Amino acid sequence: DDGALEIYHFESADDPALRYDHAFSESIASIQGGCVGKDGYDEILAST
């Protein structure tokens, strides 16, 4: 809700580790991972 986008990686079975974060200027309504713009490059789409 505060506009933060975070990516957590599960290096061990118990605790996720924060790998990347990005701050938007408004709340994030939804988020989705996939290949959208160019074949071979994965993306994360966020709608605000």
All heavy atoms as atom14 arrays in JSON, in Angstrom:
{
  "sequence": "DDGALEIYHFESADDPALRYDHAFSESIASIQGGCVGKDGYDEILAST",
  "atom14_mask": [
    [1, 1, 1, 1, 1, 1, 1, 1, 0, 0, 0, 0, 0, 0],
    [1, 1, 1, 1, 1, 1, 1, 1, 0, 0, 0, 0, 0, 0],
    [1, 1, 1, 1, 0, 0, 0, 0, 0, 0, 0, 0, 0, 0],
    [1, 1, 1, 1, 1, 0, 0, 0, 0, 0, 0, 0, 0, 0],
    [1, 1, 1, 1, 1, 1, 1, 1, 0, 0, 0, 0, 0, 0],
    [1, 1, 1, 1, 1, 1, 1, 1, 1, 0, 0, 0, 0, 0],
    [1, 1, 1, 1, 1, 1, 1, 1, 0, 0, 0, 0, 0, 0],
    [1, 1, 1, 1, 1, 1, 1, 1, 1, 1, 1, 1, 0, 0],
    [1, 1, 1, 1, 1, 1, 1, 1, 1, 1, 0, 0, 0, 0],
    [1, 1, 1, 1, 1, 1, 1, 1, 1, 1, 1, 0, 0, 0],
    [1, 1, 1, 1, 1, 1, 1, 1, 1, 0, 0, 0, 0, 0],
    [1, 1, 1, 1, 1, 1, 0, 0, 0, 0, 0, 0, 0, 0],
    [1, 1, 1, 1, 1, 0, 0, 0, 0, 0, 0, 0, 0, 0],
    [1, 1, 1, 1, 1, 1, 1, 1, 0, 0, 0, 0, 0, 0],
    [1, 1, 1, 1, 1, 1, 1, 1, 0, 0, 0, 0, 0, 0],
    [1, 1, 1, 1, 1, 1, 1, 0, 0, 0, 0, 0, 0, 0],
    [1, 1, 1, 1, 1, 0, 0, 0, 0, 0, 0, 0, 0, 0],
    [1, 1, 1, 1, 1, 1, 1, 1, 0, 0, 0, 0, 0, 0],
    [1, 1, 1, 1, 1, 1, 1, 1, 1, 1, 1, 0, 0, 0],
    [1, 1, 1, 1, 1, 1, 1, 1, 1, 1, 1, 1, 0, 0],
    [1, 1, 1, 1, 1, 1, 1, 1, 0, 0, 0, 0, 0, 0],
    [1, 1, 1, 1, 1, 1, 1, 1, 1, 1, 0, 0, 0, 0],
    [1, 1, 1, 1, 1, 0, 0, 0, 0, 0, 0, 0, 0, 0],
    [1, 1, 1, 1, 1, 1, 1, 1, 1, 1, 1, 0, 0, 0],
    [1, 1, 1, 1, 1, 1, 0, 0, 0, 0, 0, 0, 0, 0],
    [1, 1, 1, 1, 1, 1, 1, 1, 1, 0, 0, 0, 0, 0],
    [1, 1, 1, 1, 1, 1, 0, 0, 0, 0, 0, 0, 0, 0],
    [1, 1, 1, 1, 1, 1, 1, 1, 0, 0, 0, 0, 0, 0],
    [1, 1, 1, 1, 1, 0, 0, 0, 0, 0, 0, 0, 0, 0],
    [1, 1, 1, 1, 1, 1, 0, 0, 0, 0, 0, 0, 0, 0],
    [1, 1, 1, 1, 1, 1, 1, 1, 0, 0, 0, 0, 0, 0],
    [1, 1, 1, 1, 1, 1, 1, 1, 1, 0, 0, 0, 0, 0],
    [1, 1, 1, 1, 0, 0, 0, 0, 0, 0, 0, 0, 0, 0],
    [1, 1, 1, 1, 0, 0, 0, 0, 0, 0, 0, 0, 0, 0],
    [1, 1, 1, 1, 1, 1, 0, 0, 0, 0, 0, 0, 0, 0],
    [1, 1, 1, 1, 1, 1, 1, 0, 0, 0, 0, 0, 0, 0],
    [1, 1, 1, 1, 0, 0, 0, 0, 0, 0, 0, 0, 0, 0],
    [1, 1, 1, 1, 1, 1, 1, 1, 1, 0, 0, 0, 0, 0],
    [1, 1, 1, 1, 1, 1, 1, 1, 0, 0, 0, 0, 0, 0],
    [1, 1, 1, 1, 0, 0, 0, 0, 0, 0, 0, 0, 0, 0],
    [1, 1, 1, 1, 1, 1, 1, 1, 1, 1, 1, 1, 0, 0],
    [1, 1, 1, 1, 1, 1, 1, 1, 0, 0, 0, 0, 0, 0],
    [1, 1, 1, 1, 1, 1, 1, 1, 1, 0, 0, 0, 0, 0],
    [1, 1, 1, 1, 1, 1, 1, 1, 0, 0, 0, 0, 0, 0],
    [1, 1, 1, 1, 1, 1, 1, 1, 0, 0, 0, 0, 0, 0],
    [1, 1, 1, 1, 1, 0, 0, 0, 0, 0, 0, 0, 0, 0],
    [1, 1, 1, 1, 1, 1, 0, 0, 0, 0, 0, 0, 0, 0],
    [1, 1, 1, 1, 1, 1, 1, 0, 0, 0, 0, 0, 0, 0]
  ],
  "atom14_positions": [
    [[0.82, -1.21, 0.0], [0.0, 0.0, 0.0], [0.85, 1.26, 0.0], [0.43, 2.3, -0.51], [-0.91, 0.04, 1.23], [-2.1, -0.89, 1.09], [-2.39, -1.34, -0.03], [-2.73, -1.18, 2.12], [0.0, 0.0, 0.0], [0.0, 0.0, 0.0], [0.0, 0.0, 0.0], [0.0, 0.0, 0.0], [0.0, 0.0, 0.0], [0.0, 0.0, 0.0]],
    [[2.03, 1.2, 0.59], [2.88, 2.4, 0.66], [3.7, 2.61, -0.61], [4.54, 3.5, -0.68], [3.79, 2.35, 1.88], [4.81, 1.22, 1.84], [4.8, 0.42, 0.87], [5.62, 1.11, 2.78], [0.0, 0.0, 0.0], [0.0, 0.0, 0.0], [0.0, 0.0, 0.0], [0.0, 0.0, 0.0], [0.0, 0.0, 0.0], [0.0, 0.0, 0.0]],
    [[3.49, 1.8, -1.65], [4.19, 1.95, -2.91], [5.45, 1.13, -3.03], [6.15, 1.22, -4.04], [0.0, 0.0, 0.0], [0.0, 0.0, 0.0], [0.0, 0.0, 0.0], [0.0, 0.0, 0.0], [0.0, 0.0, 0.0], [0.0, 0.0, 0.0], [0.0, 0.0, 0.0], [0.0, 0.0, 0.0], [0.0, 0.0, 0.0], [0.0, 0.0, 0.0]],
    [[5.76, 0.33, -2.03], [6.98, -0.48, -2.07], [6.75, -1.77, -2.85], [5.75, -2.45, -2.66], [7.44, -0.82, -0.65], [0.0, 0.0, 0.0], [0.0, 0.0, 0.0], [0.0, 0.0, 0.0], [0.0, 0.0, 0.0], [0.0, 0.0, 0.0], [0.0, 0.0, 0.0], [0.0, 0.0, 0.0], [0.0, 0.0, 0.0], [0.0, 0.0, 0.0]],
    [[7.66, -2.06, -3.77], [7.66, -3.33, -4.49], [8.89, -4.09, -3.99], [9.99, -3.54, -3.98], [7.75, -3.11, -5.99], [7.76, -4.35, -6.86], [7.04, -4.08, -8.16], [9.14, -4.87, -7.12], [0.0, 0.0, 0.0], [0.0, 0.0, 0.0], [0.0, 0.0, 0.0], [0.0, 0.0, 0.0], [0.0, 0.0, 0.0], [0.0, 0.0, 0.0]],
    [[8.69, -5.33, -3.57], [9.79, -6.11, -3.0], [9.83, -7.49, -3.65], [8.79, -8.07, -3.95], [9.62, -6.25, -1.49], [9.61, -4.93, -0.77], [9.19, -5.03, 0.69], [8.5, -6.01, 1.05], [9.56, -4.13, 1.45], [0.0, 0.0, 0.0], [0.0, 0.0, 0.0], [0.0, 0.0, 0.0], [0.0, 0.0, 0.0], [0.0, 0.0, 0.0]],
    [[11.05, -8.0, -3.84], [11.25, -9.34, -4.38], [12.03, -10.12, -3.32], [13.13, -9.74, -2.94], [12.04, -9.32, -5.7], [11.28, -8.52, -6.74], [12.3, -10.75, -6.18], [12.05, -8.32, -8.03], [0.0, 0.0, 0.0], [0.0, 0.0, 0.0], [0.0, 0.0, 0.0], [0.0, 0.0, 0.0], [0.0, 0.0, 0.0], [0.0, 0.0, 0.0]],
    [[11.43, -11.21, -2.85], [12.06, -12.07, -1.85], [12.46, -13.38, -2.49], [11.68, -14.0, -3.21], [11.09, -12.34, -0.69], [10.84, -11.12, 0.16], [9.76, -10.3, -0.09], [11.69, -10.81, 1.22], [9.52, -9.18, 0.7], [11.46, -9.7, 2.01], [10.37, -8.89, 1.74], [10.14, -7.79, 2.51], [0.0, 0.0, 0.0], [0.0, 0.0, 0.0]],
    [[13.69, -13.84, -2.19], [14.22, -15.09, -2.7], [14.32, -16.08, -1.54], [14.7, -15.71, -0.43], [15.62, -14.86, -3.31], [16.25, -16.09, -3.86], [15.76, -16.73, -4.96], [17.33, -16.79, -3.46], [16.52, -17.79, -5.22], [17.47, -17.84, -4.32], [0.0, 0.0, 0.0], [0.0, 0.0, 0.0], [0.0, 0.0, 0.0], [0.0, 0.0, 0.0]],
    [[13.98, -17.32, -1.8], [14.03, -18.35, -0.77], [15.34, -19.12, -0.89], [15.43, -20.14, -1.55], [12.83, -19.29, -0.89], [11.53, -18.62, -0.55], [10.78, -18.0, -1.52], [11.1, -18.59, 0.77], [9.59, -17.36, -1.19], [9.91, -17.95, 1.11], [9.16, -17.35, 0.12], [0.0, 0.0, 0.0], [0.0, 0.0, 0.0], [0.0, 0.0, 0.0]],
    [[16.38, -18.58, -0.23], [17.69, -19.22, -0.26], [17.71, -20.46, 0.62], [18.31, -21.46, 0.31], [18.76, -18.23, 0.18], [18.93, -17.09, -0.81], [19.89, -16.02, -0.34], [20.42, -16.12, 0.79], [20.12, -15.08, -1.11], [0.0, 0.0, 0.0], [0.0, 0.0, 0.0], [0.0, 0.0, 0.0], [0.0, 0.0, 0.0], [0.0, 0.0, 0.0]],
    [[17.05, -20.38, 1.75], [16.89, -21.54, 2.62], [15.39, -21.82, 2.73], [14.57, -21.01, 2.33], [17.5, -21.28, 4.0], [16.76, -20.28, 4.67], [0.0, 0.0, 0.0], [0.0, 0.0, 0.0], [0.0, 0.0, 0.0], [0.0, 0.0, 0.0], [0.0, 0.0, 0.0], [0.0, 0.0, 0.0], [0.0, 0.0, 0.0], [0.0, 0.0, 0.0]],
    [[15.05, -22.94, 3.29], [13.65, -23.34, 3.37], [12.85, -22.47, 4.33], [11.63, -22.4, 4.23], [13.55, -24.8, 3.79], [0.0, 0.0, 0.0], [0.0, 0.0, 0.0], [0.0, 0.0, 0.0], [0.0, 0.0, 0.0], [0.0, 0.0, 0.0], [0.0, 0.0, 0.0], [0.0, 0.0, 0.0], [0.0, 0.0, 0.0], [0.0, 0.0, 0.0]],
    [[13.51, -21.81, 5.27], [12.79, -21.09, 6.32], [12.56, -19.61, 6.05], [11.45, -19.12, 6.1], [13.52, -21.24, 7.66], [13.57, -22.69, 8.13], [12.65, -23.44, 7.77], [14.53, -23.04, 8.81], [0.0, 0.0, 0.0], [0.0, 0.0, 0.0], [0.0, 0.0, 0.0], [0.0, 0.0, 0.0], [0.0, 0.0, 0.0], [0.0, 0.0, 0.0]],
    [[13.64, -18.89, 5.8], [13.55, -17.43, 5.74], [13.77, -16.89, 4.33], [14.81, -17.15, 3.72], [14.59, -16.8, 6.67], [14.33, -17.14, 8.12], [13.16, -17.23, 8.51], [15.31, -17.33, 8.87], [0.0, 0.0, 0.0], [0.0, 0.0, 0.0], [0.0, 0.0, 0.0], [0.0, 0.0, 0.0], [0.0, 0.0, 0.0], [0.0, 0.0, 0.0]],
    [[12.83, -16.09, 3.84], [13.06, -15.44, 2.55], [14.01, -14.26, 2.73], [14.03, -13.61, 3.77], [11.66, -14.95, 2.15], [10.92, -14.81, 3.43], [11.49, -15.82, 4.38], [0.0, 0.0, 0.0], [0.0, 0.0, 0.0], [0.0, 0.0, 0.0], [0.0, 0.0, 0.0], [0.0, 0.0, 0.0], [0.0, 0.0, 0.0], [0.0, 0.0, 0.0]],
    [[14.83, -14.01, 1.72], [15.79, -12.9, 1.75], [15.36, -11.85, 0.73], [15.04, -12.18, -0.41], [17.19, -13.41, 1.43], [0.0, 0.0, 0.0], [0.0, 0.0, 0.0], [0.0, 0.0, 0.0], [0.0, 0.0, 0.0], [0.0, 0.0, 0.0], [0.0, 0.0, 0.0], [0.0, 0.0, 0.0], [0.0, 0.0, 0.0], [0.0, 0.0, 0.0]],
    [[15.35, -10.59, 1.14], [15.02, -9.49, 0.24], [16.12, -9.35, -0.79], [17.28, -9.14, -0.46], [14.85, -8.19, 1.03], [14.5, -6.96, 0.2], [13.13, -7.11, -0.45], [14.53, -5.71, 1.06], [0.0, 0.0, 0.0], [0.0, 0.0, 0.0], [0.0, 0.0, 0.0], [0.0, 0.0, 0.0], [0.0, 0.0, 0.0], [0.0, 0.0, 0.0]],
    [[15.77, -9.5, -2.08], [16.76, -9.41, -3.15], [16.7, -8.08, -3.89], [17.69, -7.62, -4.45], [16.55, -10.54, -4.17], [16.83, -11.92, -3.66], [18.29, -12.1, -3.27], [19.2, -11.92, -4.37], [19.76, -12.88, -5.06], [19.51, -14.12, -4.75], [20.57, -12.61, -6.04], [0.0, 0.0, 0.0], [0.0, 0.0, 0.0], [0.0, 0.0, 0.0]],
    [[15.52, -7.47, -3.92], [15.35, -6.22, -4.67], [14.15, -5.47, -4.12], [13.17, -6.09, -3.7], [15.13, -6.52, -6.16], [14.94, -5.29, -7.0], [16.03, -4.54, -7.43], [13.67, -4.86, -7.36], [15.85, -3.4, -8.2], [13.49, -3.72, -8.13], [14.58, -3.0, -8.54], [14.41, -1.87, -9.29], [0.0, 0.0, 0.0], [0.0, 0.0, 0.0]],
    [[14.24, -4.14, -4.1], [13.07, -3.35, -3.75], [13.07, -2.07, -4.59], [14.1, -1.63, -5.09], [13.01, -3.03, -2.26], [14.17, -2.17, -1.79], [15.19, -2.09, -2.48], [14.05, -1.57, -0.71], [0.0, 0.0, 0.0], [0.0, 0.0, 0.0], [0.0, 0.0, 0.0], [0.0, 0.0, 0.0], [0.0, 0.0, 0.0], [0.0, 0.0, 0.0]],
    [[11.87, -1.55, -4.79], [11.68, -0.34, -5.6], [10.52, 0.43, -5.0], [9.54, -0.17, -4.58], [11.37, -0.73, -7.06], [11.24, 0.46, -7.97], [12.33, 1.11, -8.49], [10.15, 1.11, -8.43], [11.9, 2.11, -9.25], [10.59, 2.13, -9.23], [0.0, 0.0, 0.0], [0.0, 0.0, 0.0], [0.0, 0.0, 0.0], [0.0, 0.0, 0.0]],
    [[10.63, 1.74, -4.94], [9.58, 2.57, -4.35], [8.82, 3.32, -5.43], [9.42, 4.01, -6.25], [10.18, 3.55, -3.36], [0.0, 0.0, 0.0], [0.0, 0.0, 0.0], [0.0, 0.0, 0.0], [0.0, 0.0, 0.0], [0.0, 0.0, 0.0], [0.0, 0.0, 0.0], [0.0, 0.0, 0.0], [0.0, 0.0, 0.0], [0.0, 0.0, 0.0]],
    [[7.5, 3.15, -5.44], [6.62, 3.9, -6.33], [6.01, 5.05, -5.52], [6.01, 5.01, -4.29], [5.5, 3.01, -6.88], [5.99, 1.98, -7.86], [6.31, 0.7, -7.44], [6.14, 2.29, -9.19], [6.76, -0.24, -8.33], [6.59, 1.35, -10.1], [6.91, 0.07, -9.66], [0.0, 0.0, 0.0], [0.0, 0.0, 0.0], [0.0, 0.0, 0.0]],
    [[5.45, 6.03, -6.2], [4.9, 7.2, -5.52], [3.46, 7.0, -5.08], [2.88, 7.89, -4.47], [4.99, 8.43, -6.42], [4.25, 8.21, -7.6], [0.0, 0.0, 0.0], [0.0, 0.0, 0.0], [0.0, 0.0, 0.0], [0.0, 0.0, 0.0], [0.0, 0.0, 0.0], [0.0, 0.0, 0.0], [0.0, 0.0, 0.0], [0.0, 0.0, 0.0]],
    [[2.87, 5.84, -5.36], [1.51, 5.56, -4.94], [1.36, 4.07, -4.67], [2.24, 3.29, -4.99], [0.51, 6.03, -5.99], [0.73, 5.44, -7.36], [-0.2, 6.04, -8.39], [-1.42, 5.94, -8.19], [0.29, 6.59, -9.39], [0.0, 0.0, 0.0], [0.0, 0.0, 0.0], [0.0, 0.0, 0.0], [0.0, 0.0, 0.0], [0.0, 0.0, 0.0]],
    [[0.24, 3.69, -4.07], [0.07, 2.3, -3.68], [-0.02, 1.38, -4.88], [-0.49, 1.76, -5.95], [-1.18, 2.15, -2.8], [-2.33, 2.46, -3.53], [0.0, 0.0, 0.0], [0.0, 0.0, 0.0], [0.0, 0.0, 0.0], [0.0, 0.0, 0.0], [0.0, 0.0, 0.0], [0.0, 0.0, 0.0], [0.0, 0.0, 0.0], [0.0, 0.0, 0.0]],
    [[0.43, 0.15, -4.68], [0.41, -0.86, -5.73], [-0.86, -1.68, -5.57], [-1.13, -2.24, -4.52], [1.66, -1.75, -5.66], [2.91, -0.89, -5.9], [1.57, -2.89, -6.67], [4.21, -1.63, -5.7], [0.0, 0.0, 0.0], [0.0, 0.0, 0.0], [0.0, 0.0, 0.0], [0.0, 0.0, 0.0], [0.0, 0.0, 0.0], [0.0, 0.0, 0.0]],
    [[-1.65, -1.74, -6.64], [-2.92, -2.46, -6.61], [-2.73, -3.94, -6.94], [-3.39, -4.8, -6.37], [-3.92, -1.83, -7.57], [0.0, 0.0, 0.0], [0.0, 0.0, 0.0], [0.0, 0.0, 0.0], [0.0, 0.0, 0.0], [0.0, 0.0, 0.0], [0.0, 0.0, 0.0], [0.0, 0.0, 0.0], [0.0, 0.0, 0.0], [0.0, 0.0, 0.0]],
    [[-1.84, -4.25, -7.88], [-1.58, -5.65, -8.23], [-0.18, -5.78, -8.81], [0.42, -4.81, -9.27], [-2.63, -6.18, -9.21], [-2.52, -5.52, -10.44], [0.0, 0.0, 0.0], [0.0, 0.0, 0.0], [0.0, 0.0, 0.0], [0.0, 0.0, 0.0], [0.0, 0.0, 0.0], [0.0, 0.0, 0.0], [0.0, 0.0, 0.0], [0.0, 0.0, 0.0]],
    [[0.32, -7.03, -8.8], [1.67, -7.31, -9.27], [1.66, -8.68, -9.94], [0.94, -9.58, -9.5], [2.67, -7.23, -8.1], [4.11, -7.3, -8.6], [2.42, -8.29, -7.07], [5.12, -6.92, -7.55], [0.0, 0.0, 0.0], [0.0, 0.0, 0.0], [0.0, 0.0, 0.0], [0.0, 0.0, 0.0], [0.0, 0.0, 0.0], [0.0, 0.0, 0.0]],
    [[2.46, -8.82, -11.01], [2.48, -10.08, -11.75], [3.84, -10.24, -12.42], [4.39, -9.28, -12.95], [1.39, -10.06, -12.82], [1.24, -11.33, -13.62], [0.48, -12.4, -12.88], [-0.49, -12.09, -12.22], [0.93, -13.62, -12.96], [0.0, 0.0, 0.0], [0.0, 0.0, 0.0], [0.0, 0.0, 0.0], [0.0, 0.0, 0.0], [0.0, 0.0, 0.0]],
    [[4.37, -11.45, -12.41], [5.62, -11.75, -13.1], [5.34, -12.49, -14.38], [4.36, -13.24, -14.48], [0.0, 0.0, 0.0], [0.0, 0.0, 0.0], [0.0, 0.0, 0.0], [0.0, 0.0, 0.0], [0.0, 0.0, 0.0], [0.0, 0.0, 0.0], [0.0, 0.0, 0.0], [0.0, 0.0, 0.0], [0.0, 0.0, 0.0], [0.0, 0.0, 0.0]],
    [[6.19, -12.32, -15.4], [6.02, -13.03, -16.66], [6.91, -12.45, -17.74], [7.73, -11.58, -17.5], [0.0, 0.0, 0.0], [0.0, 0.0, 0.0], [0.0, 0.0, 0.0], [0.0, 0.0, 0.0], [0.0, 0.0, 0.0], [0.0, 0.0, 0.0], [0.0, 0.0, 0.0], [0.0, 0.0, 0.0], [0.0, 0.0, 0.0], [0.0, 0.0, 0.0]],
    [[6.72, -12.95, -18.96], [7.46, -12.46, -20.12], [6.47, -11.67, -20.97], [5.53, -12.24, -21.52], [8.05, -13.62, -20.9], [9.07, -13.09, -22.28], [0.0, 0.0, 0.0], [0.0, 0.0, 0.0], [0.0, 0.0, 0.0], [0.0, 0.0, 0.0], [0.0, 0.0, 0.0], [0.0, 0.0, 0.0], [0.0, 0.0, 0.0], [0.0, 0.0, 0.0]],
    [[6.66, -10.36, -21.07], [5.68, -9.5, -21.73], [6.28, -8.77, -22.93], [5.77, -8.86, -24.03], [5.1, -8.47, -20.74], [4.1, -7.56, -21.41], [4.48, -9.17, -19.55], [0.0, 0.0, 0.0], [0.0, 0.0, 0.0], [0.0, 0.0, 0.0], [0.0, 0.0, 0.0], [0.0, 0.0, 0.0], [0.0, 0.0, 0.0], [0.0, 0.0, 0.0]],
    [[7.33, -8.02, -22.71], [7.84, -7.11, -23.73], [8.74, -7.73, -24.77], [8.64, -7.43, -25.95], [0.0, 0.0, 0.0], [0.0, 0.0, 0.0], [0.0, 0.0, 0.0], [0.0, 0.0, 0.0], [0.0, 0.0, 0.0], [0.0, 0.0, 0.0], [0.0, 0.0, 0.0], [0.0, 0.0, 0.0], [0.0, 0.0, 0.0], [0.0, 0.0, 0.0]],
    [[9.64, -8.62, -24.36], [10.61, -9.18, -25.3], [10.92, -10.61, -24.9], [11.17, -10.89, -23.73], [11.89, -8.33, -25.28], [12.87, -8.69, -26.37], [13.99, -7.68, -26.45], [14.9, -8.02, -27.61], [16.02, -7.09, -27.69], [0.0, 0.0, 0.0], [0.0, 0.0, 0.0], [0.0, 0.0, 0.0], [0.0, 0.0, 0.0], [0.0, 0.0, 0.0]],
    [[10.88, -11.51, -25.9], [11.15, -12.92, -25.63], [12.52, -13.09, -24.98], [13.49, -12.45, -25.38], [11.1, -13.74, -26.92], [9.69, -13.9, -27.45], [8.75, -13.77, -26.65], [9.54, -14.17, -28.66], [0.0, 0.0, 0.0], [0.0, 0.0, 0.0], [0.0, 0.0, 0.0], [0.0, 0.0, 0.0], [0.0, 0.0, 0.0], [0.0, 0.0, 0.0]],
    [[12.57, -13.95, -23.99], [13.84, -14.25, -23.33], [14.15, -13.36, -22.14], [15.14, -13.58, -21.45], [0.0, 0.0, 0.0], [0.0, 0.0, 0.0], [0.0, 0.0, 0.0], [0.0, 0.0, 0.0], [0.0, 0.0, 0.0], [0.0, 0.0, 0.0], [0.0, 0.0, 0.0], [0.0, 0.0, 0.0], [0.0, 0.0, 0.0], [0.0, 0.0, 0.0]],
    [[13.35, -12.33, -21.9], [13.59, -11.42, -20.77], [12.33, -11.36, -19.91], [11.27, -10.94, -20.36], [13.95, -10.02, -21.26], [15.26, -9.98, -22.01], [15.29, -9.91, -23.39], [16.47, -10.04, -21.32], [16.49, -9.89, -24.08], [17.67, -10.02, -22.0], [17.68, -9.94, -23.37], [18.87, -9.92, -24.04], [0.0, 0.0, 0.0], [0.0, 0.0, 0.0]],
    [[12.46, -11.81, -18.68], [11.33, -11.81, -17.75], [11.12, -10.42, -17.19], [12.05, -9.62, -17.1], [11.57, -12.8, -16.61], [11.56, -14.24, -17.09], [10.8, -14.53, -18.04], [12.29, -15.07, -16.53], [0.0, 0.0, 0.0], [0.0, 0.0, 0.0], [0.0, 0.0, 0.0], [0.0, 0.0, 0.0], [0.0, 0.0, 0.0], [0.0, 0.0, 0.0]],
    [[9.85, -10.16, -16.79], [9.49, -8.85, -16.28], [8.54, -8.98, -15.11], [7.89, -10.0, -14.93], [8.82, -8.02, -17.38], [9.75, -7.73, -18.53], [9.03, -7.23, -19.76], [7.97, -7.77, -20.09], [9.54, -6.29, -20.38], [0.0, 0.0, 0.0], [0.0, 0.0, 0.0], [0.0, 0.0, 0.0], [0.0, 0.0, 0.0], [0.0, 0.0, 0.0]],
    [[8.46, -7.92, -14.35], [7.47, -7.79, -13.29], [6.61, -6.59, -13.65], [7.13, -5.5, -13.89], [8.14, -7.57, -11.92], [8.97, -8.79, -11.54], [7.08, -7.29, -10.85], [9.81, -8.6, -10.31], [0.0, 0.0, 0.0], [0.0, 0.0, 0.0], [0.0, 0.0, 0.0], [0.0, 0.0, 0.0], [0.0, 0.0, 0.0], [0.0, 0.0, 0.0]],
    [[5.3, -6.8, -13.71], [4.37, -5.72, -14.0], [3.64, -5.36, -12.72], [3.16, -6.24, -12.01], [3.36, -6.12, -15.07], [3.94, -6.4, -16.45], [2.83, -6.8, -17.41], [4.68, -5.2, -16.99], [0.0, 0.0, 0.0], [0.0, 0.0, 0.0], [0.0, 0.0, 0.0], [0.0, 0.0, 0.0], [0.0, 0.0, 0.0], [0.0, 0.0, 0.0]],
    [[3.55, -4.07, -12.44], [2.83, -3.59, -11.27], [1.84, -2.53, -11.72], [2.19, -1.63, -12.48], [3.8, -2.99, -10.25], [0.0, 0.0, 0.0], [0.0, 0.0, 0.0], [0.0, 0.0, 0.0], [0.0, 0.0, 0.0], [0.0, 0.0, 0.0], [0.0, 0.0, 0.0], [0.0, 0.0, 0.0], [0.0, 0.0, 0.0], [0.0, 0.0, 0.0]],
    [[0.59, -2.67, -11.27], [-0.39, -1.62, -11.55], [-0.61, -0.85, -10.27], [-0.68, -1.41, -9.17], [-1.7, -2.2, -12.08], [-2.33, -2.98, -11.1], [0.0, 0.0, 0.0], [0.0, 0.0, 0.0], [0.0, 0.0, 0.0], [0.0, 0.0, 0.0], [0.0, 0.0, 0.0], [0.0, 0.0, 0.0], [0.0, 0.0, 0.0], [0.0, 0.0, 0.0]],
    [[-0.71, 0.47, -10.4], [-0.84, 1.33, -9.23], [-2.3, 1.72, -9.03], [-3.15, 1.45, -9.87], [0.01, 2.6, -9.39], [-0.48, 3.34, -10.5], [1.48, 2.26, -9.56], [0.0, 0.0, 0.0], [0.0, 0.0, 0.0], [0.0, 0.0, 0.0], [0.0, 0.0, 0.0], [0.0, 0.0, 0.0], [0.0, 0.0, 0.0], [0.0, 0.0, 0.0]]
  ]
}
